[in-house]
């Protein structure tokens, strides 16, 4: 599961299921109503999936007011071992 926490957006939960990145209809409705959509792109050769998070114009404007975006991802392997990874992005606009 991936969580993106900001004061305006709240928590964005994405699940590692390429057929259903939202995990539930309630989560999908909540995110879509905030202008956030989730999809996966899977490389047909390597079978590696990439999560795509798209933001509406309003959300993009809000993100443009931030200096930094922090994304925390909790990754779980097939036997249940969890690792949490936090990445800080410094946003630069031109």
PDB file of N, CA and C in Angstrom:
ATOM      1  N   UNK A   1       0.846  -1.174   0.000  1.00  0.00           N
ATOM      2  CA  UNK A   1       0.000   0.000   0.000  1.00  0.00           C
ATOM      3  C   UNK A   1       0.891   1.236   0.000  1.00  0.00           C
ATOM      4  N   UNK A   2       0.482   2.248  -0.716  1.00  0.00           N
ATOM      5  CA  UNK A   2       1.207   3.515  -0.765  1.00  0.00           C
ATOM      6  C   UNK A   2       0.331   4.569  -0.134  1.00  0.00           C
ATOM      7  N   UNK A   3       0.907   5.382   0.734  1.00  0.00           N
ATOM      8  CA  UNK A   3       0.160   6.479   1.347  1.00  0.00           C
ATOM      9  C   UNK A   3       0.872   7.775   1.028  1.00  0.00           C
ATOM     10  N   UNK A   4       0.134   8.745   0.540  1.00  0.00           N
ATOM     11  CA  UNK A   4       0.657  10.086   0.324  1.00  0.00           C
ATOM     12  C   UNK A   4      -0.119  10.991   1.264  1.00  0.00           C
ATOM     13  N   UNK A   5       0.552  11.591   2.229  1.00  0.00           N
ATOM     14  CA  UNK A   5      -0.118  12.419   3.229  1.00  0.00           C
ATOM     15  C   UNK A   5       0.176  13.891   2.991  1.00  0.00           C
ATOM     16  N   UNK A   6      -0.865  14.684   2.854  1.00  0.00           N
ATOM     17  CA  UNK A   6      -0.729  16.137   2.829  1.00  0.00           C
ATOM     18  C   UNK A   6      -1.917  16.697   3.593  1.00  0.00           C
ATOM     19  N   UNK A   7      -1.803  17.914   4.054  1.00  0.00           N
ATOM     20  CA  UNK A   7      -2.904  18.519   4.811  1.00  0.00           C
ATOM     21  C   UNK A   7      -4.161  18.651   3.960  1.00  0.00           C
ATOM     22  N   UNK A   8      -4.012  19.027   2.703  1.00  0.00           N
ATOM     23  CA  UNK A   8      -5.155  19.273   1.828  1.00  0.00           C
ATOM     24  C   UNK A   8      -5.759  17.970   1.312  1.00  0.00           C
ATOM     25  N   UNK A   9      -4.915  17.053   0.887  1.00  0.00           N
ATOM     26  CA  UNK A   9      -5.395  15.839   0.233  1.00  0.00           C
ATOM     27  C   UNK A   9      -5.733  14.728   1.209  1.00  0.00           C
ATOM     28  N   UNK A  10      -5.177  14.785   2.400  1.00  0.00           N
ATOM     29  CA  UNK A  10      -5.378  13.675   3.314  1.00  0.00           C
ATOM     30  C   UNK A  10      -4.532  12.491   2.892  1.00  0.00           C
ATOM     31  N   UNK A  11      -5.050  11.307   3.060  1.00  0.00           N
ATOM     32  CA  UNK A  11      -4.290  10.098   2.793  1.00  0.00           C
ATOM     33  C   UNK A  11      -4.725   9.498   1.461  1.00  0.00           C
ATOM     34  N   UNK A  12      -3.760   9.202   0.609  1.00  0.00           N
ATOM     35  CA  UNK A  12      -4.039   8.531  -0.660  1.00  0.00           C
ATOM     36  C   UNK A  12      -3.570   7.091  -0.498  1.00  0.00           C
ATOM     37  N   UNK A  13      -4.500   6.153  -0.488  1.00  0.00           N
ATOM     38  CA  UNK A  13      -4.155   4.741  -0.360  1.00  0.00           C
ATOM     39  C   UNK A  13      -4.208   4.085  -1.730  1.00  0.00           C
ATOM     40  N   UNK A  14      -3.115   3.432  -2.103  1.00  0.00           N
ATOM     41  CA  UNK A  14      -3.072   2.668  -3.346  1.00  0.00           C
ATOM     42  C   UNK A  14      -2.619   1.257  -2.997  1.00  0.00           C
ATOM     43  N   UNK A  15      -3.212   0.270  -3.641  1.00  0.00           N
ATOM     44  CA  UNK A  15      -2.911  -1.120  -3.337  1.00  0.00           C
ATOM     45  C   UNK A  15      -2.171  -1.765  -4.500  1.00  0.00           C
ATOM     46  N   UNK A  16      -1.336  -2.738  -4.186  1.00  0.00           N
ATOM     47  CA  UNK A  16      -0.486  -3.379  -5.184  1.00  0.00           C
ATOM     48  C   UNK A  16      -1.240  -4.449  -5.961  1.00  0.00           C
ATOM     49  N   UNK A  17      -2.393  -4.095  -6.460  1.00  0.00           N
ATOM     50  CA  UNK A  17      -3.191  -4.991  -7.290  1.00  0.00           C
ATOM     51  C   UNK A  17      -3.448  -4.265  -8.604  1.00  0.00           C
ATOM     52  N   UNK A  18      -2.718  -4.618  -9.662  1.00  0.00           N
ATOM     53  CA  UNK A  18      -2.877  -3.900 -10.930  1.00  0.00           C
ATOM     54  C   UNK A  18      -4.301  -3.889 -11.474  1.00  0.00           C
ATOM     55  N   UNK A  19      -5.135  -4.844 -11.051  1.00  0.00           N
ATOM     56  CA  UNK A  19      -6.521  -4.846 -11.523  1.00  0.00           C
ATOM     57  C   UNK A  19      -7.425  -3.976 -10.665  1.00  0.00           C
ATOM     58  N   UNK A  20      -6.960  -3.605  -9.460  1.00  0.00           N
ATOM     59  CA  UNK A  20      -7.769  -2.778  -8.565  1.00  0.00           C
ATOM     60  C   UNK A  20      -6.866  -1.980  -7.620  1.00  0.00           C
ATOM     61  N   UNK A  21      -6.236  -0.904  -8.119  1.00  0.00           N
ATOM     62  CA  UNK A  21      -5.310  -0.146  -7.273  1.00  0.00           C
ATOM     63  C   UNK A  21      -5.986   0.570  -6.109  1.00  0.00           C
ATOM     64  N   UNK A  22      -7.311   0.743  -6.177  1.00  0.00           N
ATOM     65  CA  UNK A  22      -8.026   1.445  -5.110  1.00  0.00           C
ATOM     66  C   UNK A  22      -8.294   0.557  -3.899  1.00  0.00           C
ATOM     67  N   UNK A  23      -8.400  -0.735  -4.102  1.00  0.00           N
ATOM     68  CA  UNK A  23      -8.669  -1.649  -2.998  1.00  0.00           C
ATOM     69  C   UNK A  23     -10.134  -1.785  -2.657  1.00  0.00           C
ATOM     70  N   UNK A  24     -10.893  -0.695  -2.771  1.00  0.00           N
ATOM     71  CA  UNK A  24     -12.328  -0.740  -2.470  1.00  0.00           C
ATOM     72  C   UNK A  24     -13.041   0.374  -3.225  1.00  0.00           C
ATOM     73  N   UNK A  25     -14.336   0.190  -3.411  1.00  0.00           N
ATOM     74  CA  UNK A  25     -15.142   1.208  -4.086  1.00  0.00           C
ATOM     75  C   UNK A  25     -15.180   2.494  -3.277  1.00  0.00           C
ATOM     76  N   UNK A  26     -15.241   2.382  -1.958  1.00  0.00           N
ATOM     77  CA  UNK A  26     -15.273   3.579  -1.101  1.00  0.00           C
ATOM     78  C   UNK A  26     -13.998   4.399  -1.263  1.00  0.00           C
ATOM     79  N   UNK A  27     -12.850   3.725  -1.303  1.00  0.00           N
ATOM     80  CA  UNK A  27     -11.581   4.432  -1.493  1.00  0.00           C
ATOM     81  C   UNK A  27     -11.532   5.077  -2.876  1.00  0.00           C
ATOM     82  N   UNK A  28     -12.022   4.364  -3.900  1.00  0.00           N
ATOM     83  CA  UNK A  28     -12.049   4.910  -5.253  1.00  0.00           C
ATOM     84  C   UNK A  28     -12.934   6.148  -5.318  1.00  0.00           C
ATOM     85  N   UNK A  29     -14.124   6.079  -4.739  1.00  0.00           N
ATOM     86  CA  UNK A  29     -15.032   7.229  -4.751  1.00  0.00           C
ATOM     87  C   UNK A  29     -14.428   8.421  -4.019  1.00  0.00           C
ATOM     88  N   UNK A  30     -13.783   8.169  -2.870  1.00  0.00           N
ATOM     89  CA  UNK A  30     -13.172   9.247  -2.086  1.00  0.00           C
ATOM     90  C   UNK A  30     -12.055   9.930  -2.874  1.00  0.00           C
ATOM     91  N   UNK A  31     -11.173   9.129  -3.469  1.00  0.00           N
ATOM     92  CA  UNK A  31     -10.054   9.711  -4.210  1.00  0.00           C
ATOM     93  C   UNK A  31     -10.533  10.421  -5.470  1.00  0.00           C
ATOM     94  N   UNK A  32     -11.443   9.789  -6.210  1.00  0.00           N
ATOM     95  CA  UNK A  32     -11.950  10.410  -7.433  1.00  0.00           C
ATOM     96  C   UNK A  32     -12.655  11.722  -7.141  1.00  0.00           C
ATOM     97  N   UNK A  33     -13.372  11.806  -6.009  1.00  0.00           N
ATOM     98  CA  UNK A  33     -14.058  13.051  -5.661  1.00  0.00           C
ATOM     99  C   UNK A  33     -13.064  14.155  -5.309  1.00  0.00           C
ATOM    100  N   UNK A  34     -11.842  13.780  -4.931  1.00  0.00           N
ATOM    101  CA  UNK A  34     -10.796  14.759  -4.643  1.00  0.00           C
ATOM    102  C   UNK A  34      -9.964  15.094  -5.878  1.00  0.00           C
ATOM    103  N   UNK A  35     -10.271  14.472  -7.008  1.00  0.00           N
ATOM    104  CA  UNK A  35      -9.522  14.753  -8.231  1.00  0.00           C
ATOM    105  C   UNK A  35      -8.264  13.922  -8.377  1.00  0.00           C
ATOM    106  N   UNK A  36      -8.272  12.721  -7.803  1.00  0.00           N
ATOM    107  CA  UNK A  36      -7.109  11.841  -7.849  1.00  0.00           C
ATOM    108  C   UNK A  36      -7.524  10.525  -8.494  1.00  0.00           C
ATOM    109  N   UNK A  37      -6.745  10.071  -9.482  1.00  0.00           N
ATOM    110  CA  UNK A  37      -7.037   8.770 -10.085  1.00  0.00           C
ATOM    111  C   UNK A  37      -5.779   7.909 -10.067  1.00  0.00           C
ATOM    112  N   UNK A  38      -5.989   6.606  -9.926  1.00  0.00           N
ATOM    113  CA  UNK A  38      -4.900   5.640  -9.840  1.00  0.00           C
ATOM    114  C   UNK A  38      -5.034   4.619 -10.958  1.00  0.00           C
ATOM    115  N   UNK A  39      -3.922   4.307 -11.607  1.00  0.00           N
ATOM    116  CA  UNK A  39      -3.883   3.238 -12.603  1.00  0.00           C
ATOM    117  C   UNK A  39      -2.513   2.573 -12.532  1.00  0.00           C
ATOM    118  N   UNK A  40      -2.442   1.381 -13.073  1.00  0.00           N
ATOM    119  CA  UNK A  40      -1.161   0.693 -13.201  1.00  0.00           C
ATOM    120  C   UNK A  40      -0.830   0.559 -14.674  1.00  0.00           C
ATOM    121  N   UNK A  41       0.452   0.668 -14.981  1.00  0.00           N
ATOM    122  CA  UNK A  41       0.965   0.376 -16.314  1.00  0.00           C
ATOM    123  C   UNK A  41       1.894  -0.815 -16.152  1.00  0.00           C
ATOM    124  N   UNK A  42       1.654  -1.882 -16.911  1.00  0.00           N
ATOM    125  CA  UNK A  42       2.484  -3.075 -16.797  1.00  0.00           C
ATOM    126  C   UNK A  42       3.268  -3.276 -18.079  1.00  0.00           C
ATOM    127  N   UNK A  43       4.580  -3.423 -17.935  1.00  0.00           N
ATOM    128  CA  UNK A  43       5.445  -3.703 -19.074  1.00  0.00           C
ATOM    129  C   UNK A  43       5.176  -5.135 -19.511  1.00  0.00           C
ATOM    130  N   UNK A  44       4.758  -5.347 -20.775  1.00  0.00           N
ATOM    131  CA  UNK A  44       4.398  -6.696 -21.213  1.00  0.00           C
ATOM    132  C   UNK A  44       5.587  -7.657 -21.256  1.00  0.00           C
ATOM    133  N   UNK A  45       6.793  -7.140 -21.387  1.00  0.00           N
ATOM    134  CA  UNK A  45       7.974  -7.999 -21.465  1.00  0.00           C
ATOM    135  C   UNK A  45       8.476  -8.367 -20.071  1.00  0.00           C
ATOM    136  N   UNK A  46       8.685  -7.355 -19.220  1.00  0.00           N
ATOM    137  CA  UNK A  46       9.251  -7.607 -17.888  1.00  0.00           C
ATOM    138  C   UNK A  46       8.192  -7.959 -16.853  1.00  0.00           C
ATOM    139  N   UNK A  47       6.922  -7.668 -17.154  1.00  0.00           N
ATOM    140  CA  UNK A  47       5.798  -7.878 -16.228  1.00  0.00           C
ATOM    141  C   UNK A  47       5.898  -6.995 -14.978  1.00  0.00           C
ATOM    142  N   UNK A  48       6.718  -5.953 -15.027  1.00  0.00           N
ATOM    143  CA  UNK A  48       6.846  -5.022 -13.908  1.00  0.00           C
ATOM    144  C   UNK A  48       5.761  -3.959 -14.033  1.00  0.00           C
ATOM    145  N   UNK A  49       5.040  -3.745 -12.933  1.00  0.00           N
ATOM    146  CA  UNK A  49       3.952  -2.764 -12.925  1.00  0.00           C
ATOM    147  C   UNK A  49       4.421  -1.456 -12.313  1.00  0.00           C
ATOM    148  N   UNK A  50       3.905  -0.363 -12.860  1.00  0.00           N
ATOM    149  CA  UNK A  50       4.226   0.979 -12.376  1.00  0.00           C
ATOM    150  C   UNK A  50       2.917   1.663 -12.018  1.00  0.00           C
ATOM    151  N   UNK A  51       2.836   2.190 -10.781  1.00  0.00           N
ATOM    152  CA  UNK A  51       1.640   2.895 -10.334  1.00  0.00           C
ATOM    153  C   UNK A  51       1.668   4.323 -10.876  1.00  0.00           C
ATOM    154  N   UNK A  52       0.568   4.729 -11.507  1.00  0.00           N
ATOM    155  CA  UNK A  52       0.420   6.089 -12.026  1.00  0.00           C
ATOM    156  C   UNK A  52      -0.632   6.794 -11.173  1.00  0.00           C
ATOM    157  N   UNK A  53      -0.246   7.904 -10.548  1.00  0.00           N
ATOM    158  CA  UNK A  53      -1.168   8.724  -9.762  1.00  0.00           C
ATOM    159  C   UNK A  53      -1.371  10.016 -10.541  1.00  0.00           C
ATOM    160  N   UNK A  54      -2.612  10.266 -10.955  1.00  0.00           N
ATOM    161  CA  UNK A  54      -2.920  11.475 -11.718  1.00  0.00           C
ATOM    162  C   UNK A  54      -3.756  12.416 -10.865  1.00  0.00           C
ATOM    163  N   UNK A  55      -3.468  13.713 -11.015  1.00  0.00           N
ATOM    164  CA  UNK A  55      -4.143  14.738 -10.231  1.00  0.00           C
ATOM    165  C   UNK A  55      -4.919  15.678 -11.142  1.00  0.00           C
ATOM    166  N   UNK A  56      -6.067  16.134 -10.663  1.00  0.00           N
ATOM    167  CA  UNK A  56      -6.866  17.109 -11.407  1.00  0.00           C
ATOM    168  C   UNK A  56      -6.147  18.458 -11.402  1.00  0.00           C
ATOM    169  N   UNK A  57      -6.692  19.408 -12.143  1.00  0.00           N
ATOM    170  CA  UNK A  57      -6.107  20.743 -12.212  1.00  0.00           C
ATOM    171  C   UNK A  57      -6.078  21.402 -10.832  1.00  0.00           C
ATOM    172  N   UNK A  58      -7.146  21.253 -10.044  1.00  0.00           N
ATOM    173  CA  UNK A  58      -7.180  21.845  -8.701  1.00  0.00           C
ATOM    174  C   UNK A  58      -6.108  21.252  -7.794  1.00  0.00           C
ATOM    175  N   UNK A  59      -5.943  19.938  -7.851  1.00  0.00           N
ATOM    176  CA  UNK A  59      -4.938  19.290  -7.017  1.00  0.00           C
ATOM    177  C   UNK A  59      -3.542  19.692  -7.479  1.00  0.00           C
ATOM    178  N   UNK A  60      -3.347  19.768  -8.786  1.00  0.00           N
ATOM    179  CA  UNK A  60      -2.053  20.189  -9.318  1.00  0.00           C
ATOM    180  C   UNK A  60      -1.714  21.591  -8.847  1.00  0.00           C
ATOM    181  N   UNK A  61      -2.712  22.480  -8.819  1.00  0.00           N
ATOM    182  CA  UNK A  61      -2.473  23.836  -8.313  1.00  0.00           C
ATOM    183  C   UNK A  61      -2.056  23.784  -6.848  1.00  0.00           C
ATOM    184  N   UNK A  62      -2.754  22.978  -6.050  1.00  0.00           N
ATOM    185  CA  UNK A  62      -2.390  22.861  -4.637  1.00  0.00           C
ATOM    186  C   UNK A  62      -0.962  22.342  -4.495  1.00  0.00           C
ATOM    187  N   UNK A  63      -0.615  21.304  -5.237  1.00  0.00           N
ATOM    188  CA  UNK A  63       0.735  20.753  -5.149  1.00  0.00           C
ATOM    189  C   UNK A  63       1.781  21.784  -5.548  1.00  0.00           C
ATOM    190  N   UNK A  64       1.414  22.691  -6.449  1.00  0.00           N
ATOM    191  CA  UNK A  64       2.374  23.719  -6.880  1.00  0.00           C
ATOM    192  C   UNK A  64       2.681  24.715  -5.774  1.00  0.00           C
ATOM    193  N   UNK A  65       1.877  24.739  -4.711  1.00  0.00           N
ATOM    194  CA  UNK A  65       2.145  25.646  -3.590  1.00  0.00           C
ATOM    195  C   UNK A  65       3.063  25.004  -2.552  1.00  0.00           C
ATOM    196  N   UNK A  66       3.387  23.737  -2.723  1.00  0.00           N
ATOM    197  CA  UNK A  66       4.250  23.031  -1.776  1.00  0.00           C
ATOM    198  C   UNK A  66       5.707  23.136  -2.195  1.00  0.00           C
ATOM    199  N   UNK A  67       6.592  23.122  -1.222  1.00  0.00           N
ATOM    200  CA  UNK A  67       8.021  23.056  -1.511  1.00  0.00           C
ATOM    201  C   UNK A  67       8.502  21.612  -1.556  1.00  0.00           C
ATOM    202  N   UNK A  68       7.797  20.753  -0.828  1.00  0.00           N
ATOM    203  CA  UNK A  68       8.228  19.371  -0.712  1.00  0.00           C
ATOM    204  C   UNK A  68       7.013  18.451  -0.637  1.00  0.00           C
ATOM    205  N   UNK A  69       7.118  17.306  -1.273  1.00  0.00           N
ATOM    206  CA  UNK A  69       6.083  16.277  -1.218  1.00  0.00           C
ATOM    207  C   UNK A  69       6.732  15.018  -0.656  1.00  0.00           C
ATOM    208  N   UNK A  70       6.143  14.446   0.369  1.00  0.00           N
ATOM    209  CA  UNK A  70       6.686  13.245   1.003  1.00  0.00           C
ATOM    210  C   UNK A  70       5.772  12.072   0.675  1.00  0.00           C
ATOM    211  N   UNK A  71       6.361  11.011   0.138  1.00  0.00           N
ATOM    212  CA  UNK A  71       5.604   9.804  -0.191  1.00  0.00           C
ATOM    213  C   UNK A  71       6.188   8.649   0.617  1.00  0.00           C
ATOM    214  N   UNK A  72       5.320   7.966   1.346  1.00  0.00           N
ATOM    215  CA  UNK A  72       5.730   6.800   2.122  1.00  0.00           C
ATOM    216  C   UNK A  72       5.054   5.572   1.536  1.00  0.00           C
ATOM    217  N   UNK A  73       5.842   4.558   1.240  1.00  0.00           N
ATOM    218  CA  UNK A  73       5.308   3.318   0.684  1.00  0.00           C
ATOM    219  C   UNK A  73       5.649   2.165   1.613  1.00  0.00           C
ATOM    220  N   UNK A  74       4.650   1.352   1.901  1.00  0.00           N
ATOM    221  CA  UNK A  74       4.875   0.139   2.683  1.00  0.00           C
ATOM    222  C   UNK A  74       4.838  -1.021   1.700  1.00  0.00           C
ATOM    223  N   UNK A  75       5.956  -1.737   1.602  1.00  0.00           N
ATOM    224  CA  UNK A  75       6.086  -2.827   0.644  1.00  0.00           C
ATOM    225  C   UNK A  75       6.122  -4.137   1.420  1.00  0.00           C
ATOM    226  N   UNK A  76       5.329  -5.085   0.970  1.00  0.00           N
ATOM    227  CA  UNK A  76       5.281  -6.393   1.632  1.00  0.00           C
ATOM    228  C   UNK A  76       5.649  -7.471   0.626  1.00  0.00           C
ATOM    229  N   UNK A  77       6.592  -8.358   1.016  1.00  0.00           N
ATOM    230  CA  UNK A  77       6.960  -9.438   0.107  1.00  0.00           C
ATOM    231  C   UNK A  77       5.971 -10.601   0.230  1.00  0.00           C
ATOM    232  N   UNK A  78       6.214 -11.636  -0.530  1.00  0.00           N
ATOM    233  CA  UNK A  78       5.256 -12.734  -0.631  1.00  0.00           C
ATOM    234  C   UNK A  78       5.054 -13.484   0.691  1.00  0.00           C
ATOM    235  N   UNK A  79       6.042 -13.440   1.595  1.00  0.00           N
ATOM    236  CA  UNK A  79       5.884 -14.144   2.875  1.00  0.00           C
ATOM    237  C   UNK A  79       5.487 -13.213   4.018  1.00  0.00           C
ATOM    238  N   UNK A  80       5.187 -11.950   3.700  1.00  0.00           N
ATOM    239  CA  UNK A  80       4.632 -11.050   4.701  1.00  0.00           C
ATOM    240  C   UNK A  80       5.594 -10.103   5.386  1.00  0.00           C
ATOM    241  N   UNK A  81       6.868 -10.097   4.984  1.00  0.00           N
ATOM    242  CA  UNK A  81       7.819  -9.144   5.557  1.00  0.00           C
ATOM    243  C   UNK A  81       7.538  -7.758   5.004  1.00  0.00           C
ATOM    244  N   UNK A  82       7.414  -6.763   5.890  1.00  0.00           N
ATOM    245  CA  UNK A  82       7.104  -5.400   5.463  1.00  0.00           C
ATOM    246  C   UNK A  82       8.323  -4.497   5.581  1.00  0.00           C
ATOM    247  N   UNK A  83       8.450  -3.605   4.620  1.00  0.00           N
ATOM    248  CA  UNK A  83       9.471  -2.567   4.635  1.00  0.00           C
ATOM    249  C   UNK A  83       8.783  -1.263   4.312  1.00  0.00           C
ATOM    250  N   UNK A  84       9.115  -0.207   5.049  1.00  0.00           N
ATOM    251  CA  UNK A  84       8.530   1.103   4.779  1.00  0.00           C
ATOM    252  C   UNK A  84       9.605   2.005   4.194  1.00  0.00           C
ATOM    253  N   UNK A  85       9.286   2.633   3.083  1.00  0.00           N
ATOM    254  CA  UNK A  85      10.224   3.506   2.385  1.00  0.00           C
ATOM    255  C   UNK A  85       9.607   4.894   2.292  1.00  0.00           C
ATOM    256  N   UNK A  86      10.348   5.914   2.717  1.00  0.00           N
ATOM    257  CA  UNK A  86       9.876   7.295   2.622  1.00  0.00           C
ATOM    258  C   UNK A  86      10.782   8.054   1.673  1.00  0.00           C
ATOM    259  N   UNK A  87      10.170   8.750   0.724  1.00  0.00           N
ATOM    260  CA  UNK A  87      10.913   9.537  -0.251  1.00  0.00           C
ATOM    261  C   UNK A  87      10.434  10.973  -0.190  1.00  0.00           C
ATOM    262  N   UNK A  88      11.372  11.900  -0.120  1.00  0.00           N
ATOM    263  CA  UNK A  88      11.057  13.329  -0.119  1.00  0.00           C
ATOM    264  C   UNK A  88      11.327  13.889  -1.506  1.00  0.00           C
ATOM    265  N   UNK A  89      10.337  14.541  -2.069  1.00  0.00           N
ATOM    266  CA  UNK A  89      10.486  15.169  -3.377  1.00  0.00           C
ATOM    267  C   UNK A  89      10.470  16.678  -3.191  1.00  0.00           C
ATOM    268  N   UNK A  90      11.481  17.347  -3.703  1.00  0.00           N
ATOM    269  CA  UNK A  90      11.495  18.805  -3.702  1.00  0.00           C
ATOM    270  C   UNK A  90      10.895  19.241  -5.032  1.00  0.00           C
ATOM    271  N   UNK A  91       9.818  19.986  -4.974  1.00  0.00           N
ATOM    272  CA  UNK A  91       9.086  20.358  -6.176  1.00  0.00           C
ATOM    273  C   UNK A  91       9.661  21.643  -6.760  1.00  0.00           C
ATOM    274  N   UNK A  92       9.991  21.590  -8.030  1.00  0.00           N
ATOM    275  CA  UNK A  92      10.544  22.743  -8.739  1.00  0.00           C
ATOM    276  C   UNK A  92       9.670  22.995  -9.954  1.00  0.00           C
ATOM    277  N   UNK A  93       9.215  24.213 -10.104  1.00  0.00           N
ATOM    278  CA  UNK A  93       8.345  24.571 -11.224  1.00  0.00           C
ATOM    279  C   UNK A  93       9.027  25.627 -12.064  1.00  0.00           C
ATOM    280  N   UNK A  94       8.826  25.512 -13.362  1.00  0.00           N
ATOM    281  CA  UNK A  94       9.410  26.529 -14.247  1.00  0.00           C
ATOM    282  C   UNK A  94       8.341  27.120 -15.138  1.00  0.00           C
TER     283      UNK A  94
END
